[in-house]
Amino acid sequence: MGEFTVTGLRVLREAARSGSFSQAAQRLGYTQSAVSRQVALMEQAAGRPLFERQARGVEPTEAGRIVLRHADAVLAELDRARDALQDLHSRRSGRLRVGAFSTANAVLVPQATATVAQRHPELEVRLREGLTPALSSELGRRRLDLAVLSGASDLPAGLEVVRLLEDSLYIATATAHPLAGRLSVPIDRLRDERWITGSADQHTTLLGAWAGAAWQPHVAHVARDWITKLGLVAAGLGITVVPGLVVPALPDTVSVVRIDDPAAVRPTHVGYHPDRVDARHPFLTALREASAALDYRIRQRLHG
């Protein structure tokens, strides 16, 4: 009887997930013959078939399901070992792995990173962009040391989270729009506007339509890319919602007006591992300074 191998266990898991040796080969970057060979070796190690070959794919046998349960546990432990080794390397190299959602990377995080680079050149900051749920998961798995997160943030146990700022929401309009030049606008004033959104789902506040009002917005155009959305706004084809985090980075071809409503805010948090980062860490200090500077730059933009 042969031995189970890590490669073989990964192949078994992928074949079971996809229900196909050919799809498993494609996802793992192997040839189909290499996958078939690994499955054969694992079946030799198990002493019995692990898959039932069917016309439309493969299904694990009872023996296969037993091996797969143990394979998941073994591979999870190996992943944790890899993460611990990466964390050890980060500690020794003075490297800080930082994650942030996209609009935080417009001004806030780059400014904080530049400040740290100037004050602490020995500290290497590695940035990673993603959605808040994915960043929270990466933080919990120790693939990030610190993450800038949007909205309510439920983090895994053992992590610290602090409120960084309350990010006000704004309306972006064309410079010739009747609202251009105003400091704020009530929600009801937006009832008859044409909206440019990132989704046809009208329940998503930050995708371009205000979801807190009783009325339904008129969606004129749907565009996911920010450059496209702002281009449509600048051409006078509609308005869109933008977070304050991006206001200083907006082109002069659009104007911004704050939404006058207590609910028109998006909390921004920082989550971190207390054994890697504490409240006095240079990057947290730089983030707080960048937040204060951001507020000043927004006011400058609004007042021309």
Protein backbone atom coordinates (compact mmCIF):
# COMPACT_ATOMS: atom_id res chain seq x y z
CA MET A 1 0.00 0.00 0.00
CA GLY A 2 1.35 3.44 -0.92
CA GLU A 3 1.32 6.67 1.07
CA PHE A 4 -1.10 9.59 1.02
CA THR A 5 0.57 12.78 -0.23
CA VAL A 6 -0.30 16.46 0.11
CA THR A 7 -0.50 16.83 -3.67
CA GLY A 8 -2.74 13.80 -3.91
CA LEU A 9 -5.06 15.08 -1.18
CA ARG A 10 -5.37 18.46 -2.91
CA VAL A 11 -6.25 16.69 -6.17
CA LEU A 12 -8.87 14.54 -4.42
CA ARG A 13 -10.46 17.61 -2.83
CA GLU A 14 -10.60 19.55 -6.10
CA ALA A 15 -11.98 16.56 -8.02
CA ALA A 16 -14.72 16.14 -5.41
CA ARG A 17 -15.56 19.86 -5.48
CA SER A 18 -15.76 20.08 -9.26
CA GLY A 19 -17.14 16.59 -9.91
CA SER A 20 -14.72 16.19 -12.79
CA PHE A 21 -11.09 15.18 -13.23
CA SER A 22 -10.74 17.51 -16.23
CA GLN A 23 -12.10 20.52 -14.32
CA ALA A 24 -9.88 19.68 -11.35
CA ALA A 25 -6.89 19.62 -13.71
CA GLN A 26 -7.84 23.01 -15.15
CA ARG A 27 -8.28 24.63 -11.73
CA LEU A 28 -5.03 23.18 -10.38
CA GLY A 29 -3.00 23.86 -13.53
CA TYR A 30 -2.28 20.17 -14.13
CA THR A 31 -2.84 17.93 -17.13
CA GLN A 32 -5.76 15.54 -16.93
CA SER A 33 -3.40 12.58 -17.03
CA ALA A 34 -1.52 13.99 -14.02
CA VAL A 35 -4.78 14.27 -12.08
CA SER A 36 -5.79 10.73 -13.03
CA ARG A 37 -2.37 9.48 -11.94
CA GLN A 38 -2.65 11.23 -8.54
CA VAL A 39 -6.13 9.79 -7.99
CA ALA A 40 -4.84 6.31 -8.86
CA LEU A 41 -1.98 6.68 -6.34
CA MET A 42 -4.41 7.82 -3.63
CA GLU A 43 -6.70 4.87 -4.39
CA GLN A 44 -3.68 2.60 -4.15
CA ALA A 45 -2.88 4.13 -0.74
CA ALA A 46 -6.49 3.70 0.39
CA GLY A 47 -6.71 0.15 -0.94
CA ARG A 48 -10.07 0.77 -2.57
CA PRO A 49 -11.78 3.07 -5.12
CA LEU A 50 -12.32 6.65 -3.95
CA PHE A 51 -14.50 7.81 -6.87
CA GLU A 52 -17.31 6.36 -8.91
CA ARG A 53 -16.69 7.15 -12.59
CA GLN A 54 -19.94 8.24 -14.21
CA ALA A 55 -20.88 9.46 -17.68
CA ARG A 56 -21.10 13.08 -16.55
CA GLY A 57 -18.32 13.19 -13.99
CA VAL A 58 -17.18 11.55 -10.78
CA GLU A 59 -18.69 11.08 -7.32
CA PRO A 60 -16.79 10.14 -4.12
CA THR A 61 -17.41 6.65 -2.84
CA GLU A 62 -18.01 6.02 0.87
CA ALA A 63 -14.27 5.43 1.24
CA GLY A 64 -13.64 8.60 -0.73
CA ARG A 65 -15.81 10.65 1.61
CA ILE A 66 -13.85 9.34 4.60
CA VAL A 67 -10.54 10.29 3.02
CA LEU A 68 -11.89 13.71 1.98
CA ARG A 69 -12.96 14.54 5.54
CA HIS A 70 -9.44 13.87 6.77
CA ALA A 71 -7.95 15.62 3.73
CA ASP A 72 -9.84 18.82 4.60
CA ALA A 73 -8.47 18.69 8.16
CA VAL A 74 -4.89 17.98 7.05
CA LEU A 75 -4.86 20.67 4.37
CA ALA A 76 -6.41 23.23 6.75
CA GLU A 77 -3.64 22.54 9.27
CA LEU A 78 -1.00 22.96 6.57
CA ASP A 79 -2.59 26.26 5.50
CA ARG A 80 -2.44 27.46 9.10
CA ALA A 81 1.22 26.46 9.31
CA ARG A 82 1.93 28.41 6.13
CA ASP A 83 0.10 31.47 7.50
CA ALA A 84 2.06 31.25 10.76
CA LEU A 85 5.34 31.11 8.83
CA GLN A 86 4.30 34.14 6.77
CA ASP A 87 3.43 35.96 9.98
CA LEU A 88 6.84 35.05 11.45
CA HIS A 89 8.54 36.40 8.33
CA SER A 90 6.53 39.63 8.56
CA ARG A 91 7.54 40.11 12.19
CA ARG A 92 11.23 39.63 11.47
CA SER A 93 11.32 41.67 8.29
CA GLY A 94 9.46 44.68 9.66
CA ARG A 95 6.71 44.14 7.10
CA LEU A 96 3.13 45.28 7.67
CA ARG A 97 0.39 43.74 5.52
CA VAL A 98 -2.44 46.24 5.12
CA GLY A 99 -5.80 45.68 3.45
CA ALA A 100 -8.33 48.35 2.47
CA PHE A 101 -11.53 48.72 0.47
CA SER A 102 -11.22 50.54 -2.86
CA THR A 103 -12.34 54.07 -1.99
CA ALA A 104 -10.10 54.11 1.11
CA ASN A 105 -7.25 53.57 -1.35
CA ALA A 106 -8.08 56.77 -3.25
CA VAL A 107 -6.51 59.20 -0.75
CA LEU A 108 -6.57 57.98 2.86
CA VAL A 109 -4.42 54.84 2.77
CA PRO A 110 -1.86 56.14 0.21
CA GLN A 111 -1.34 59.26 2.33
CA ALA A 112 -0.83 57.20 5.49
CA THR A 113 1.55 54.87 3.65
CA ALA A 114 3.60 57.80 2.34
CA THR A 115 3.82 59.27 5.86
CA VAL A 116 5.05 55.97 7.30
CA ALA A 117 7.58 55.58 4.48
CA GLN A 118 9.00 59.01 5.29
CA ARG A 119 9.09 58.62 9.07
CA HIS A 120 9.87 54.90 9.33
CA PRO A 121 11.74 53.76 6.21
CA GLU A 122 12.59 50.47 7.92
CA LEU A 123 8.88 49.51 7.95
CA GLU A 124 7.75 47.92 4.69
CA VAL A 125 4.01 48.33 4.03
CA ARG A 126 2.35 45.88 1.63
CA LEU A 127 -1.12 46.97 0.43
CA ARG A 128 -3.96 44.71 -0.64
CA GLU A 129 -7.35 45.89 -1.94
CA GLY A 130 -10.62 44.03 -1.47
CA LEU A 131 -14.21 44.12 -0.24
CA THR A 132 -14.75 44.44 3.50
CA PRO A 133 -16.06 40.87 4.08
CA ALA A 134 -13.05 39.38 2.27
CA LEU A 135 -10.65 41.66 4.15
CA SER A 136 -12.20 40.66 7.49
CA SER A 137 -11.73 37.01 6.59
CA GLU A 138 -8.10 37.59 5.54
CA LEU A 139 -7.50 39.43 8.80
CA GLY A 140 -8.95 36.56 10.81
CA ARG A 141 -6.72 34.08 8.97
CA ARG A 142 -3.64 36.24 9.68
CA ARG A 143 -2.99 36.99 6.04
CA LEU A 144 -3.31 40.68 6.93
CA ASP A 145 -2.00 42.52 9.98
CA LEU A 146 -4.33 45.50 9.67
CA ALA A 147 -7.36 46.35 7.53
CA VAL A 148 -9.36 49.50 6.80
CA LEU A 149 -12.99 48.37 6.72
CA SER A 150 -16.26 49.95 5.60
CA GLY A 151 -19.49 49.93 7.58
CA ALA A 152 -20.30 47.71 10.52
CA SER A 153 -17.41 45.33 11.02
CA ASP A 154 -17.86 42.04 12.87
CA LEU A 155 -14.36 40.65 13.22
CA PRO A 156 -13.27 37.21 14.43
CA ALA A 157 -12.42 36.85 18.12
CA GLY A 158 -9.03 38.09 19.27
CA LEU A 159 -8.88 41.14 17.01
CA GLU A 160 -9.18 44.81 17.88
CA VAL A 161 -11.33 47.29 15.97
CA VAL A 162 -11.37 51.09 16.30
CA ARG A 163 -13.54 53.71 14.63
CA LEU A 164 -11.44 55.81 12.26
CA LEU A 165 -13.99 58.27 10.86
CA GLU A 166 -17.60 58.88 9.90
CA ASP A 167 -17.45 59.19 6.13
CA SER A 168 -20.17 61.53 4.86
CA LEU A 169 -21.83 60.78 1.55
CA TYR A 170 -21.98 63.30 -1.30
CA ILE A 171 -23.73 63.78 -4.61
CA ALA A 172 -21.53 64.23 -7.68
CA THR A 173 -23.05 66.45 -10.38
CA ALA A 174 -21.99 68.16 -13.57
CA THR A 175 -20.50 71.63 -13.01
CA ALA A 176 -23.48 73.16 -14.87
CA HIS A 177 -26.06 71.29 -12.77
CA PRO A 178 -28.45 73.46 -10.68
CA LEU A 179 -27.12 71.83 -7.49
CA ALA A 180 -23.47 72.58 -8.31
CA GLY A 181 -21.93 75.03 -5.89
CA ARG A 182 -24.26 74.22 -3.00
CA LEU A 183 -22.79 72.91 0.26
CA SER A 184 -25.59 70.43 0.96
CA VAL A 185 -28.87 69.13 -0.40
CA PRO A 186 -31.85 67.47 1.35
CA ILE A 187 -32.87 64.03 0.18
CA ASP A 188 -36.27 65.10 -1.14
CA ARG A 189 -34.60 67.58 -3.49
CA LEU A 190 -33.11 64.56 -5.31
CA ARG A 191 -36.45 62.89 -6.02
CA ASP A 192 -36.64 63.92 -9.70
CA GLU A 193 -32.96 63.47 -10.57
CA ARG A 194 -31.61 60.98 -13.08
CA TRP A 195 -29.21 58.57 -11.37
CA ILE A 196 -26.07 56.82 -12.53
CA THR A 197 -25.64 53.62 -10.55
CA GLY A 198 -23.27 50.69 -10.33
CA SER A 199 -26.17 48.26 -10.11
CA ALA A 200 -29.83 48.03 -11.04
CA ASP A 201 -30.48 47.03 -7.39
CA GLN A 202 -32.00 50.15 -5.85
CA HIS A 203 -31.29 48.97 -2.30
CA THR A 204 -27.55 49.67 -2.55
CA THR A 205 -26.80 53.14 -1.22
CA LEU A 206 -23.23 53.55 -2.41
CA LEU A 207 -23.85 52.21 -5.89
CA GLY A 208 -25.35 55.49 -6.93
CA ALA A 209 -28.92 55.83 -5.67
CA TRP A 210 -30.02 57.00 -2.26
CA ALA A 211 -31.80 54.05 -0.62
CA GLY A 212 -32.93 55.90 2.52
CA ALA A 213 -35.75 57.84 0.89
CA ALA A 214 -39.37 56.78 0.51
CA TRP A 215 -39.31 57.42 -3.24
CA GLN A 216 -37.72 55.21 -5.89
CA PRO A 217 -34.88 56.82 -7.87
CA HIS A 218 -34.96 57.00 -11.64
CA VAL A 219 -31.90 55.05 -12.84
CA ALA A 220 -30.77 56.50 -16.17
CA HIS A 221 -27.48 54.58 -16.58
CA VAL A 222 -25.74 51.62 -14.93
CA ALA A 223 -21.92 51.61 -14.83
CA ARG A 224 -19.66 49.78 -12.38
CA ASP A 225 -16.42 51.56 -13.22
CA TRP A 226 -15.85 54.84 -11.35
CA ILE A 227 -14.22 56.53 -14.34
CA THR A 228 -17.28 55.72 -16.45
CA LYS A 229 -19.68 56.92 -13.79
CA LEU A 230 -17.87 60.22 -13.37
CA GLY A 231 -17.65 60.65 -17.13
CA LEU A 232 -21.43 60.27 -17.40
CA VAL A 233 -21.89 62.74 -14.52
CA ALA A 234 -19.55 65.30 -16.11
CA ALA A 235 -21.53 65.03 -19.36
CA GLY A 236 -24.71 66.00 -17.49
CA LEU A 237 -26.37 62.59 -17.90
CA GLY A 238 -27.17 62.09 -14.22
CA ILE A 239 -25.91 62.26 -10.64
CA THR A 240 -24.28 59.64 -8.46
CA VAL A 241 -23.36 59.09 -4.80
CA VAL A 242 -19.68 59.32 -3.82
CA PRO A 243 -18.12 58.75 -0.39
CA GLY A 244 -16.17 61.56 1.20
CA LEU A 245 -13.04 59.40 1.03
CA VAL A 246 -12.78 60.03 -2.73
CA VAL A 247 -13.87 63.70 -2.85
CA PRO A 248 -10.32 65.17 -2.90
CA ALA A 249 -9.42 62.84 -5.78
CA LEU A 250 -12.41 63.75 -7.99
CA PRO A 251 -11.73 65.58 -11.26
CA ASP A 252 -12.64 69.26 -11.70
CA THR A 253 -15.22 68.22 -14.31
CA VAL A 254 -17.67 67.31 -11.50
CA SER A 255 -19.03 69.16 -8.50
CA VAL A 256 -19.88 67.63 -5.11
CA VAL A 257 -22.69 68.40 -2.69
CA ARG A 258 -23.10 66.81 0.75
CA ILE A 259 -26.31 64.86 1.38
CA ASP A 260 -28.11 66.61 4.24
CA ASP A 261 -29.28 63.66 6.29
CA PRO A 262 -27.98 62.09 9.55
CA ALA A 263 -28.04 58.65 7.94
CA ALA A 264 -25.89 59.75 4.99
CA VAL A 265 -22.67 58.52 6.57
CA ARG A 266 -20.57 55.40 6.29
CA PRO A 267 -18.47 54.45 9.33
CA THR A 268 -14.89 53.50 8.54
CA HIS A 269 -13.04 51.21 10.95
CA VAL A 270 -9.58 49.77 11.37
CA GLY A 271 -9.22 46.16 12.46
CA TYR A 272 -5.90 44.71 13.55
CA HIS A 273 -4.07 41.98 15.44
CA PRO A 274 -3.04 43.41 18.84
CA ASP A 275 0.12 41.26 18.86
CA ARG A 276 1.24 42.87 15.56
CA VAL A 277 -0.19 46.36 15.87
CA ASP A 278 -1.21 48.44 18.88
CA ALA A 279 -2.95 51.80 19.21
CA ARG A 280 0.44 53.59 19.06
CA HIS A 281 1.62 51.89 15.90
CA PRO A 282 3.05 54.30 13.29
CA PHE A 283 0.56 53.22 10.62
CA LEU A 284 -2.45 53.78 12.89
CA THR A 285 -1.06 57.18 13.82
CA ALA A 286 -0.59 58.01 10.15
CA LEU A 287 -4.16 56.91 9.37
CA ARG A 288 -5.56 59.21 12.03
CA GLU A 289 -3.50 62.11 10.68
CA ALA A 290 -4.60 61.35 7.13
CA SER A 291 -8.25 61.30 8.30
CA ALA A 292 -7.93 64.78 9.77
CA ALA A 293 -6.19 66.05 6.63
CA LEU A 294 -8.91 64.44 4.48
CA ASP A 295 -11.62 66.41 6.27
CA TYR A 296 -9.72 69.64 5.60
CA ARG A 297 -9.27 68.80 1.90
CA ILE A 298 -12.99 68.00 1.55
CA ARG A 299 -13.90 71.39 3.02
CA GLN A 300 -11.47 73.05 0.63
CA ARG A 301 -13.12 71.28 -2.30
CA LEU A 302 -16.63 72.27 -1.22
CA HIS A 303 -15.73 75.92 -0.71
CA GLY A 304 -13.79 76.12 -3.98
